[in-house]
Amino acid sequence: VQLVESGGALVQPGGSLRLSCAASGFNFSNYDMRWYRQAPGKERVRIATITNTGFIYNYEDSVTGRFTISRDNAKNTAYLQMNSLKHEDTAVYYCHARRGTAMYWGQGAQVTVSS
């Protein structure tokens, strides 16, 4: 089982990035997918969820209207489109798959927003 994030980078404030999470080793289309982030010195926070059927929850108020979670079950991949990035979005971003008690984490992708 693997979840591999990609797309993390250094970006200027106001810029955009798209993170990808490629899944393998399990039936991706049966799992809800989530994105979390962990800023330096802070706890890991859930920021968005997309269910296996495509219903979307955004938990983190600070990303509403700027970030969009999506998935492509044919490609076994989840995405996080991040627009209008701010300094405070700097964090390691993790994808997470869950179905009942079964859950998997990716290794994380660093996003740094700095001028």
N, C-alpha and C. Protein backbone atom coordinates (compact mmCIF):
# COMPACT_ATOMS: atom_id res chain seq x y z
N VAL A 1 0.85 -1.20 0.00
CA VAL A 1 0.00 0.00 0.00
C VAL A 1 0.88 1.24 0.00
N GLN A 2 0.56 2.15 -0.89
CA GLN A 2 1.31 3.41 -0.95
C GLN A 2 0.41 4.58 -1.28
N LEU A 3 0.71 5.72 -0.63
CA LEU A 3 0.17 7.02 -1.01
C LEU A 3 1.37 7.91 -1.21
N VAL A 4 1.51 8.46 -2.40
CA VAL A 4 2.68 9.26 -2.72
C VAL A 4 2.23 10.65 -3.14
N GLU A 5 2.57 11.65 -2.30
CA GLU A 5 2.24 13.03 -2.63
C GLU A 5 3.32 13.61 -3.53
N SER A 6 2.90 14.52 -4.39
CA SER A 6 3.84 15.27 -5.22
C SER A 6 3.25 16.64 -5.49
N GLY A 7 4.12 17.54 -5.94
CA GLY A 7 3.67 18.88 -6.30
C GLY A 7 4.03 19.95 -5.30
N GLY A 8 4.60 19.56 -4.17
CA GLY A 8 5.02 20.56 -3.21
C GLY A 8 6.16 21.40 -3.76
N ALA A 9 6.22 22.67 -3.35
CA ALA A 9 7.23 23.57 -3.89
C ALA A 9 7.30 24.84 -3.07
N LEU A 10 8.26 25.67 -3.42
CA LEU A 10 8.34 27.03 -2.91
C LEU A 10 7.56 27.92 -3.88
N VAL A 11 6.65 28.72 -3.35
CA VAL A 11 5.80 29.56 -4.19
C VAL A 11 5.64 30.92 -3.52
N GLN A 12 5.46 31.95 -4.32
CA GLN A 12 5.27 33.29 -3.78
C GLN A 12 3.83 33.46 -3.29
N PRO A 13 3.65 34.37 -2.35
CA PRO A 13 2.27 34.67 -1.91
C PRO A 13 1.40 35.06 -3.10
N GLY A 14 0.17 34.56 -3.10
CA GLY A 14 -0.73 34.79 -4.22
C GLY A 14 -0.65 33.76 -5.30
N GLY A 15 0.34 32.90 -5.23
CA GLY A 15 0.52 31.87 -6.25
C GLY A 15 -0.36 30.66 -6.04
N SER A 16 -0.20 29.70 -6.94
CA SER A 16 -1.01 28.48 -6.92
C SER A 16 -0.12 27.25 -7.01
N LEU A 17 -0.62 26.17 -6.45
CA LEU A 17 0.01 24.86 -6.58
C LEU A 17 -1.08 23.81 -6.64
N ARG A 18 -0.78 22.69 -7.27
CA ARG A 18 -1.66 21.54 -7.21
C ARG A 18 -0.88 20.35 -6.67
N LEU A 19 -1.34 19.83 -5.55
CA LEU A 19 -0.76 18.63 -4.99
C LEU A 19 -1.49 17.42 -5.54
N SER A 20 -0.74 16.36 -5.77
CA SER A 20 -1.31 15.09 -6.20
C SER A 20 -0.99 14.03 -5.17
N CYS A 21 -1.86 13.06 -5.07
CA CYS A 21 -1.66 11.92 -4.16
C CYS A 21 -1.98 10.66 -4.96
N ALA A 22 -0.96 9.95 -5.33
CA ALA A 22 -1.13 8.73 -6.13
C ALA A 22 -1.21 7.52 -5.22
N ALA A 23 -2.26 6.75 -5.38
CA ALA A 23 -2.52 5.60 -4.51
C ALA A 23 -2.25 4.29 -5.24
N SER A 24 -1.77 3.32 -4.50
CA SER A 24 -1.57 1.99 -5.05
C SER A 24 -1.67 0.96 -3.94
N GLY A 25 -2.03 -0.25 -4.31
CA GLY A 25 -2.06 -1.35 -3.35
C GLY A 25 -3.37 -1.53 -2.61
N PHE A 26 -4.37 -0.71 -2.92
CA PHE A 26 -5.69 -0.88 -2.32
C PHE A 26 -6.72 -0.34 -3.29
N ASN A 27 -8.00 -0.62 -3.02
CA ASN A 27 -9.06 -0.22 -3.93
C ASN A 27 -9.42 1.25 -3.67
N PHE A 28 -8.72 2.13 -4.35
CA PHE A 28 -8.81 3.57 -4.13
C PHE A 28 -10.26 4.07 -4.20
N SER A 29 -11.04 3.57 -5.11
CA SER A 29 -12.39 4.11 -5.33
C SER A 29 -13.34 3.82 -4.17
N ASN A 30 -12.93 2.95 -3.25
CA ASN A 30 -13.77 2.64 -2.09
C ASN A 30 -13.43 3.48 -0.87
N TYR A 31 -12.41 4.29 -0.97
CA TYR A 31 -11.90 5.02 0.18
C TYR A 31 -12.21 6.51 0.11
N ASP A 32 -12.58 7.08 1.27
CA ASP A 32 -12.62 8.53 1.40
C ASP A 32 -11.18 9.03 1.41
N MET A 33 -10.96 10.20 0.83
CA MET A 33 -9.62 10.78 0.80
C MET A 33 -9.64 12.13 1.52
N ARG A 34 -8.59 12.37 2.26
CA ARG A 34 -8.47 13.62 3.01
C ARG A 34 -7.10 14.23 2.78
N TRP A 35 -7.04 15.54 2.90
CA TRP A 35 -5.78 16.25 2.97
C TRP A 35 -5.66 16.88 4.35
N TYR A 36 -4.48 16.73 4.92
CA TYR A 36 -4.11 17.35 6.18
C TYR A 36 -2.89 18.23 5.93
N ARG A 37 -2.64 19.10 6.87
CA ARG A 37 -1.38 19.84 6.84
C ARG A 37 -0.87 20.04 8.26
N GLN A 38 0.43 20.16 8.34
CA GLN A 38 1.09 20.38 9.62
C GLN A 38 2.11 21.48 9.46
N ALA A 39 1.84 22.60 10.09
CA ALA A 39 2.76 23.73 10.06
C ALA A 39 3.82 23.53 11.13
N PRO A 40 4.97 24.17 10.98
CA PRO A 40 6.05 24.01 11.96
C PRO A 40 5.57 24.33 13.38
N GLY A 41 5.81 23.40 14.30
CA GLY A 41 5.46 23.61 15.70
C GLY A 41 3.98 23.48 16.01
N LYS A 42 3.19 23.04 15.03
CA LYS A 42 1.74 22.94 15.25
C LYS A 42 1.26 21.52 15.00
N GLU A 43 0.05 21.24 15.43
CA GLU A 43 -0.54 19.92 15.23
C GLU A 43 -1.00 19.76 13.77
N ARG A 44 -1.09 18.50 13.38
CA ARG A 44 -1.62 18.19 12.05
C ARG A 44 -3.12 18.48 12.04
N VAL A 45 -3.58 19.16 10.99
CA VAL A 45 -4.96 19.61 10.90
C VAL A 45 -5.58 19.09 9.60
N ARG A 46 -6.78 18.59 9.71
CA ARG A 46 -7.50 18.14 8.51
C ARG A 46 -8.07 19.37 7.80
N ILE A 47 -7.87 19.44 6.50
CA ILE A 47 -8.32 20.64 5.78
C ILE A 47 -9.41 20.36 4.76
N ALA A 48 -9.50 19.14 4.26
CA ALA A 48 -10.55 18.84 3.27
C ALA A 48 -10.72 17.35 3.14
N THR A 49 -11.95 16.93 2.82
CA THR A 49 -12.29 15.53 2.61
C THR A 49 -13.13 15.39 1.36
N ILE A 50 -12.87 14.34 0.60
CA ILE A 50 -13.75 13.96 -0.49
C ILE A 50 -14.10 12.49 -0.30
N THR A 51 -15.39 12.20 -0.27
CA THR A 51 -15.79 10.82 -0.04
C THR A 51 -15.56 9.98 -1.29
N ASN A 52 -15.73 8.68 -1.14
CA ASN A 52 -15.51 7.80 -2.28
C ASN A 52 -16.50 8.09 -3.41
N THR A 53 -17.64 8.69 -3.06
CA THR A 53 -18.65 9.03 -4.07
C THR A 53 -18.50 10.47 -4.57
N GLY A 54 -17.51 11.19 -4.07
CA GLY A 54 -17.24 12.53 -4.57
C GLY A 54 -17.84 13.67 -3.76
N PHE A 55 -18.47 13.37 -2.62
CA PHE A 55 -19.00 14.44 -1.79
C PHE A 55 -17.85 15.10 -1.05
N ILE A 56 -17.85 16.43 -1.00
CA ILE A 56 -16.72 17.18 -0.47
C ILE A 56 -17.06 17.88 0.85
N TYR A 57 -16.19 17.73 1.83
CA TYR A 57 -16.26 18.47 3.08
C TYR A 57 -15.00 19.33 3.19
N ASN A 58 -15.14 20.57 3.52
CA ASN A 58 -13.97 21.40 3.83
C ASN A 58 -14.05 21.77 5.30
N TYR A 59 -13.14 21.28 6.06
CA TYR A 59 -13.17 21.49 7.50
C TYR A 59 -12.49 22.76 7.94
N GLU A 60 -11.45 23.15 7.23
CA GLU A 60 -10.61 24.24 7.69
C GLU A 60 -11.13 25.55 7.08
N ASP A 61 -11.65 26.45 7.90
CA ASP A 61 -12.24 27.69 7.40
C ASP A 61 -11.25 28.51 6.58
N SER A 62 -9.99 28.47 6.97
CA SER A 62 -9.01 29.34 6.32
C SER A 62 -8.73 28.98 4.87
N VAL A 63 -9.13 27.78 4.43
CA VAL A 63 -8.85 27.40 3.05
C VAL A 63 -10.09 27.46 2.17
N THR A 64 -11.26 27.66 2.79
CA THR A 64 -12.50 27.70 2.02
C THR A 64 -12.45 28.82 0.99
N GLY A 65 -12.78 28.46 -0.26
CA GLY A 65 -12.76 29.44 -1.34
C GLY A 65 -11.43 29.54 -2.04
N ARG A 66 -10.39 28.96 -1.45
CA ARG A 66 -9.05 29.02 -2.06
C ARG A 66 -8.55 27.63 -2.47
N PHE A 67 -8.90 26.61 -1.70
CA PHE A 67 -8.43 25.24 -1.96
C PHE A 67 -9.59 24.40 -2.47
N THR A 68 -9.29 23.47 -3.37
CA THR A 68 -10.30 22.56 -3.89
C THR A 68 -9.74 21.15 -3.90
N ILE A 69 -10.46 20.25 -3.27
CA ILE A 69 -10.09 18.84 -3.28
C ILE A 69 -10.84 18.14 -4.41
N SER A 70 -10.20 17.20 -5.05
CA SER A 70 -10.85 16.43 -6.10
C SER A 70 -10.19 15.05 -6.17
N ARG A 71 -10.76 14.20 -7.01
CA ARG A 71 -10.19 12.87 -7.18
C ARG A 71 -10.51 12.36 -8.57
N ASP A 72 -9.67 11.47 -9.04
CA ASP A 72 -9.88 10.78 -10.31
C ASP A 72 -9.72 9.30 -10.02
N ASN A 73 -10.84 8.62 -9.88
CA ASN A 73 -10.77 7.20 -9.51
C ASN A 73 -10.13 6.35 -10.61
N ALA A 74 -10.24 6.79 -11.85
CA ALA A 74 -9.62 6.05 -12.94
C ALA A 74 -8.10 6.10 -12.87
N LYS A 75 -7.57 7.16 -12.26
CA LYS A 75 -6.12 7.33 -12.12
C LYS A 75 -5.63 7.02 -10.72
N ASN A 76 -6.55 6.61 -9.82
CA ASN A 76 -6.18 6.32 -8.42
C ASN A 76 -5.43 7.50 -7.79
N THR A 77 -5.94 8.69 -8.04
CA THR A 77 -5.24 9.89 -7.60
C THR A 77 -6.21 10.90 -7.01
N ALA A 78 -5.78 11.51 -5.91
CA ALA A 78 -6.50 12.63 -5.32
C ALA A 78 -5.67 13.89 -5.52
N TYR A 79 -6.35 15.03 -5.52
CA TYR A 79 -5.68 16.30 -5.79
C TYR A 79 -6.09 17.33 -4.75
N LEU A 80 -5.22 18.30 -4.57
CA LEU A 80 -5.56 19.49 -3.80
C LEU A 80 -5.06 20.69 -4.59
N GLN A 81 -6.01 21.42 -5.16
CA GLN A 81 -5.67 22.66 -5.88
C GLN A 81 -5.66 23.79 -4.87
N MET A 82 -4.55 24.50 -4.81
CA MET A 82 -4.38 25.57 -3.83
C MET A 82 -4.13 26.87 -4.57
N ASN A 83 -5.01 27.83 -4.39
CA ASN A 83 -4.89 29.14 -5.04
C ASN A 83 -4.75 30.23 -3.98
N SER A 84 -4.32 31.39 -4.42
CA SER A 84 -4.18 32.55 -3.53
C SER A 84 -3.43 32.17 -2.26
N LEU A 85 -2.30 31.53 -2.44
CA LEU A 85 -1.55 31.02 -1.28
C LEU A 85 -1.02 32.15 -0.42
N LYS A 86 -1.00 31.89 0.88
CA LYS A 86 -0.56 32.86 1.88
C LYS A 86 0.62 32.28 2.66
N HIS A 87 1.35 33.16 3.33
CA HIS A 87 2.46 32.71 4.15
C HIS A 87 2.01 31.61 5.13
N GLU A 88 0.82 31.80 5.70
CA GLU A 88 0.34 30.86 6.72
C GLU A 88 -0.07 29.51 6.16
N ASP A 89 -0.03 29.34 4.84
CA ASP A 89 -0.29 28.03 4.24
C ASP A 89 0.97 27.17 4.22
N THR A 90 2.09 27.73 4.63
CA THR A 90 3.33 26.97 4.69
C THR A 90 3.19 25.81 5.65
N ALA A 91 3.43 24.60 5.17
CA ALA A 91 3.23 23.39 5.97
C ALA A 91 3.67 22.18 5.16
N VAL A 92 3.73 21.05 5.84
CA VAL A 92 3.82 19.77 5.15
C VAL A 92 2.39 19.28 4.95
N TYR A 93 2.07 18.91 3.72
CA TYR A 93 0.72 18.47 3.37
C TYR A 93 0.72 16.95 3.19
N TYR A 94 -0.24 16.32 3.84
CA TYR A 94 -0.34 14.86 3.82
C TYR A 94 -1.69 14.44 3.23
N CYS A 95 -1.67 13.41 2.42
CA CYS A 95 -2.93 12.81 2.03
C CYS A 95 -3.18 11.57 2.88
N HIS A 96 -4.44 11.24 3.00
CA HIS A 96 -4.89 10.20 3.91
C HIS A 96 -6.07 9.48 3.28
N ALA A 97 -6.04 8.16 3.30
CA ALA A 97 -7.13 7.35 2.78
C ALA A 97 -7.78 6.60 3.93
N ARG A 98 -9.11 6.54 3.92
CA ARG A 98 -9.78 5.85 5.00
C ARG A 98 -11.04 5.14 4.51
N ARG A 99 -11.17 3.90 4.99
CA ARG A 99 -12.42 3.18 4.81
C ARG A 99 -12.65 2.39 6.09
N GLY A 100 -13.61 2.82 6.89
CA GLY A 100 -13.84 2.20 8.18
C GLY A 100 -12.61 2.35 9.04
N THR A 101 -12.09 1.23 9.52
CA THR A 101 -10.90 1.27 10.38
C THR A 101 -9.60 1.18 9.58
N ALA A 102 -9.69 0.96 8.29
CA ALA A 102 -8.49 0.90 7.45
C ALA A 102 -8.11 2.31 7.03
N MET A 103 -6.86 2.67 7.27
CA MET A 103 -6.41 4.01 6.88
C MET A 103 -4.93 4.00 6.54
N TYR A 104 -4.58 4.88 5.61
CA TYR A 104 -3.19 4.98 5.13
C TYR A 104 -2.81 6.44 5.01
N TRP A 105 -1.51 6.70 5.22
CA TRP A 105 -0.96 8.05 5.11
C TRP A 105 0.11 8.10 4.04
N GLY A 106 0.20 9.25 3.40
CA GLY A 106 1.33 9.52 2.54
C GLY A 106 2.50 10.05 3.36
N GLN A 107 3.62 10.28 2.69
CA GLN A 107 4.84 10.69 3.38
C GLN A 107 4.92 12.21 3.56
N GLY A 108 4.06 12.94 2.88
CA GLY A 108 4.04 14.39 3.02
C GLY A 108 4.73 15.12 1.89
N ALA A 109 4.23 16.31 1.61
CA ALA A 109 4.83 17.19 0.59
C ALA A 109 4.97 18.58 1.20
N GLN A 110 6.18 19.13 1.09
CA GLN A 110 6.43 20.45 1.68
C GLN A 110 5.94 21.54 0.74
N VAL A 111 5.14 22.43 1.30
CA VAL A 111 4.70 23.64 0.60
C VAL A 111 5.20 24.84 1.40
N THR A 112 5.97 25.67 0.75
CA THR A 112 6.50 26.87 1.40
C THR A 112 6.05 28.08 0.61
N VAL A 113 5.39 29.00 1.30
CA VAL A 113 4.91 30.22 0.67
C VAL A 113 5.76 31.37 1.20
N SER A 114 6.55 31.93 0.32
CA SER A 114 7.50 32.96 0.74
C SER A 114 7.87 33.84 -0.44
N SER A 115 8.10 35.10 -0.15
CA SER A 115 8.56 36.01 -1.19
C SER A 115 10.08 36.12 -1.16
